[in-house]
């Protein structure tokens, strides 16, 4: 979540970076690291304003679905957007897929979101061959996370787990670490903390 100007500044340095959104002050930014290139997919926008799909090229090629669920203000609305992502079968064909971003969703609110709730979305991702890296590595169930990624109203004691990195099941044995930034590290910069997934280059 960032401004268009943030991404334009990175692009000016030669970074492979893209931005999508309706307001210049706030949208979805996607940035590739050194040696990596993002290529927007033609089918990436659809009817989801802050979801974008990219072909990523580097030492490993894969499809990245970058997401920020925000167009509504209800948990039900957020999970409906998530299920709209799952409906784009074309994004999940032809190679490894990573789904990452602020999904504004958690299984703890399933009762408010049925039938298209968060747990059902996790099942759909699993059927498509994707697993949440954090939950796999930490052996935790969705809705019972011990670490939060978001601090509501910037309050340290109002934490929720809303940010995810779903990776192909075939990559799970290559995960060497999943780190979530702390409130002490990030609380002054954002109400969300980054989720970092480290992968070994080889199995």
Protein backbone atom coordinates (compact mmCIF):
# COMPACT_ATOMS: atom_id res chain seq x y z
CA UNK A 1 0.00 0.00 0.00
CA UNK A 2 1.69 3.19 -1.17
CA UNK A 3 1.37 6.25 -3.37
CA UNK A 4 1.99 6.38 -7.09
CA UNK A 5 4.86 8.79 -6.41
CA UNK A 6 6.60 6.18 -4.25
CA UNK A 7 6.68 3.73 -7.14
CA UNK A 8 7.58 6.37 -9.73
CA UNK A 9 10.60 7.23 -7.59
CA UNK A 10 11.75 3.61 -7.55
CA UNK A 11 11.21 3.23 -11.28
CA UNK A 12 13.40 6.29 -11.83
CA UNK A 13 16.28 4.37 -10.21
CA UNK A 14 15.88 1.53 -12.69
CA UNK A 15 13.82 -0.79 -10.51
CA UNK A 16 11.19 -3.03 -12.05
CA UNK A 17 8.14 -1.61 -10.26
CA UNK A 18 4.44 -1.09 -10.89
CA UNK A 19 1.52 0.66 -9.24
CA UNK A 20 -2.25 0.20 -9.58
CA UNK A 21 -5.03 2.15 -7.92
CA UNK A 22 -7.68 4.83 -8.26
CA UNK A 23 -6.17 7.51 -6.02
CA UNK A 24 -2.59 8.67 -6.55
CA UNK A 25 -2.10 8.88 -2.81
CA UNK A 26 -2.96 5.25 -2.08
CA UNK A 27 -2.74 2.10 -4.16
CA UNK A 28 -0.93 -1.20 -4.60
CA UNK A 29 2.79 -1.05 -5.29
CA UNK A 30 4.86 -4.01 -6.48
CA UNK A 31 8.67 -3.81 -6.61
CA UNK A 32 11.21 -6.39 -7.77
CA UNK A 33 14.64 -6.78 -6.26
CA UNK A 34 17.96 -6.68 -8.10
CA UNK A 35 18.13 -9.21 -10.90
CA UNK A 36 14.36 -9.65 -11.08
CA UNK A 37 11.85 -8.34 -13.61
CA UNK A 38 8.09 -7.90 -13.39
CA UNK A 39 5.97 -8.29 -16.51
CA UNK A 40 2.29 -7.37 -16.05
CA UNK A 41 -0.10 -9.99 -17.31
CA UNK A 42 -2.75 -8.80 -19.73
CA UNK A 43 -5.41 -10.51 -17.65
CA UNK A 44 -4.26 -8.90 -14.40
CA UNK A 45 -6.75 -6.10 -13.76
CA UNK A 46 -10.16 -7.70 -14.31
CA UNK A 47 -12.69 -6.17 -11.90
CA UNK A 48 -10.33 -6.10 -8.93
CA UNK A 49 -8.90 -2.60 -8.64
CA UNK A 50 -5.96 -3.35 -6.33
CA UNK A 51 -5.06 -6.86 -7.41
CA UNK A 52 -2.48 -7.37 -10.13
CA UNK A 53 -0.86 -10.44 -11.66
CA UNK A 54 2.71 -10.48 -12.98
CA UNK A 55 5.04 -12.91 -14.67
CA UNK A 56 8.22 -12.69 -12.59
CA UNK A 57 11.56 -13.47 -14.21
CA UNK A 58 14.84 -14.06 -12.40
CA UNK A 59 16.71 -17.04 -11.04
CA UNK A 60 13.25 -18.57 -10.75
CA UNK A 61 10.25 -17.81 -12.95
CA UNK A 62 6.77 -17.70 -11.45
CA UNK A 63 3.47 -15.83 -11.47
CA UNK A 64 2.91 -13.29 -8.71
CA UNK A 65 -0.59 -12.26 -7.68
CA UNK A 66 -0.19 -9.11 -5.60
CA UNK A 67 -3.25 -8.14 -3.60
CA UNK A 68 -4.57 -5.46 -1.30
CA UNK A 69 -8.18 -6.03 -0.27
CA UNK A 70 -9.66 -2.65 0.54
CA UNK A 71 -12.62 -1.69 -1.65
CA UNK A 72 -15.11 -2.39 1.12
CA UNK A 73 -15.13 -1.82 4.86
CA UNK A 74 -16.48 -5.19 5.96
CA UNK A 75 -14.89 -8.59 6.53
CA UNK A 76 -17.56 -10.10 4.26
CA UNK A 77 -16.58 -7.70 1.48
CA UNK A 78 -12.90 -8.52 1.83
CA UNK A 79 -13.48 -12.27 1.60
CA UNK A 80 -15.76 -11.79 -1.41
CA UNK A 81 -12.82 -10.09 -3.13
CA UNK A 82 -10.59 -13.00 -2.15
CA UNK A 83 -12.97 -15.49 -3.69
CA UNK A 84 -13.01 -13.38 -6.86
CA UNK A 85 -9.23 -13.93 -7.06
CA UNK A 86 -9.71 -17.68 -6.76
CA UNK A 87 -12.22 -17.52 -9.61
CA UNK A 88 -9.48 -16.41 -12.03
CA UNK A 89 -8.32 -19.88 -12.92
CA UNK A 90 -6.07 -18.54 -15.68
CA UNK A 91 -3.78 -17.00 -13.06
CA UNK A 92 -3.04 -20.39 -11.55
CA UNK A 93 -2.10 -22.24 -14.72
CA UNK A 94 1.21 -22.69 -16.47
CA UNK A 95 3.72 -22.62 -13.61
CA UNK A 96 4.38 -21.77 -9.95
CA UNK A 97 2.14 -19.09 -8.41
CA UNK A 98 2.71 -16.87 -5.38
CA UNK A 99 -0.17 -14.90 -3.85
CA UNK A 100 1.01 -12.17 -1.49
CA UNK A 101 -0.39 -9.09 0.14
CA UNK A 102 -2.71 -7.46 2.65
CA UNK A 103 -5.80 -9.64 2.42
CA UNK A 104 -7.63 -7.96 5.33
CA UNK A 105 -9.02 -11.37 6.20
CA UNK A 106 -8.74 -14.06 8.86
CA UNK A 107 -10.59 -17.22 9.83
CA UNK A 108 -11.56 -15.67 13.16
CA UNK A 109 -14.30 -13.79 11.27
CA UNK A 110 -15.65 -16.76 9.34
CA UNK A 111 -19.06 -16.57 11.03
CA UNK A 112 -19.59 -13.09 9.57
CA UNK A 113 -18.53 -14.07 6.08
CA UNK A 114 -20.15 -17.38 5.20
CA UNK A 115 -20.35 -18.99 2.73
CA UNK A 116 -17.35 -17.21 1.16
CA UNK A 117 -15.28 -17.03 4.32
CA UNK A 118 -11.52 -17.01 4.88
CA UNK A 119 -11.26 -20.70 5.73
CA UNK A 120 -13.04 -21.59 2.51
CA UNK A 121 -10.59 -19.38 0.62
CA UNK A 122 -7.67 -21.25 2.22
CA UNK A 123 -9.26 -24.49 1.02
CA UNK A 124 -9.57 -23.08 -2.50
CA UNK A 125 -5.92 -22.06 -2.47
CA UNK A 126 -4.95 -25.51 -1.24
CA UNK A 127 -6.93 -27.08 -4.09
CA UNK A 128 -4.95 -24.86 -6.46
CA UNK A 129 -1.68 -26.05 -4.91
CA UNK A 130 -0.89 -23.06 -2.64
CA UNK A 131 -0.20 -22.94 1.09
CA UNK A 132 0.37 -20.06 3.50
CA UNK A 133 4.10 -19.99 4.21
CA UNK A 134 3.69 -18.60 7.75
CA UNK A 135 1.15 -21.19 8.81
CA UNK A 136 3.14 -24.05 7.32
CA UNK A 137 6.44 -23.13 8.94
CA UNK A 138 4.95 -22.28 12.34
CA UNK A 139 2.49 -25.18 12.44
CA UNK A 140 -0.37 -22.82 13.24
CA UNK A 141 -3.99 -22.91 12.13
CA UNK A 142 -5.65 -20.00 10.36
CA UNK A 143 -7.41 -17.92 13.00
CA UNK A 144 -5.05 -19.07 15.78
CA UNK A 145 -1.92 -17.14 14.82
CA UNK A 146 0.52 -16.21 17.56
CA UNK A 147 2.00 -13.31 15.58
CA UNK A 148 0.08 -10.39 14.14
CA UNK A 149 0.83 -8.41 11.00
CA UNK A 150 -1.55 -5.49 11.55
CA UNK A 151 -2.09 -3.14 14.49
CA UNK A 152 -5.58 -1.68 14.38
CA UNK A 153 -5.60 2.10 14.81
CA UNK A 154 -1.82 1.83 15.27
CA UNK A 155 -2.36 0.24 18.71
CA UNK A 156 0.23 -2.36 19.72
CA UNK A 157 -2.32 -4.30 21.78
CA UNK A 158 -4.86 -4.53 18.91
CA UNK A 159 -3.10 -6.96 16.64
CA UNK A 160 -4.48 -9.16 13.87
CA UNK A 161 -2.97 -11.47 11.27
CA UNK A 162 -4.07 -10.04 7.90
CA UNK A 163 -1.04 -10.31 5.60
CA UNK A 164 -0.09 -13.52 3.81
CA UNK A 165 2.34 -15.11 1.39
CA UNK A 166 0.86 -18.20 -0.23
CA UNK A 167 3.44 -20.27 -2.10
CA UNK A 168 3.29 -23.44 -4.20
CA UNK A 169 3.16 -26.61 -2.10
CA UNK A 170 6.22 -27.80 -4.03
CA UNK A 171 8.19 -24.90 -2.52
CA UNK A 172 7.35 -25.62 1.12
CA UNK A 173 10.42 -27.76 1.78
CA UNK A 174 12.57 -24.89 0.48
CA UNK A 175 11.32 -22.38 3.04
CA UNK A 176 14.18 -21.56 5.40
CA UNK A 177 12.40 -18.86 7.34
CA UNK A 178 9.33 -16.64 7.64
CA UNK A 179 9.76 -13.39 9.54
CA UNK A 180 7.11 -10.88 10.58
CA UNK A 181 8.31 -7.41 11.48
CA UNK A 182 7.55 -6.16 14.98
CA UNK A 183 5.56 -3.17 16.14
CA UNK A 184 8.73 -1.72 17.65
CA UNK A 185 10.41 -1.89 14.24
CA UNK A 186 7.56 -0.68 12.05
CA UNK A 187 4.96 1.01 14.26
CA UNK A 188 5.98 4.52 13.28
CA UNK A 189 6.03 3.75 9.56
CA UNK A 190 2.87 1.69 9.10
CA UNK A 191 0.03 -0.07 10.89
CA UNK A 192 1.12 -3.23 9.04
CA UNK A 193 4.35 -5.17 9.48
CA UNK A 194 6.11 -6.90 6.58
CA UNK A 195 6.06 -10.65 6.08
CA UNK A 196 9.37 -11.92 4.68
CA UNK A 197 9.73 -15.45 3.30
CA UNK A 198 13.21 -16.87 2.72
CA UNK A 199 13.60 -19.70 0.22
CA UNK A 200 16.62 -21.92 -0.33
CA UNK A 201 17.71 -21.84 -3.96
CA UNK A 202 17.76 -25.62 -4.07
CA UNK A 203 15.84 -28.34 -2.23
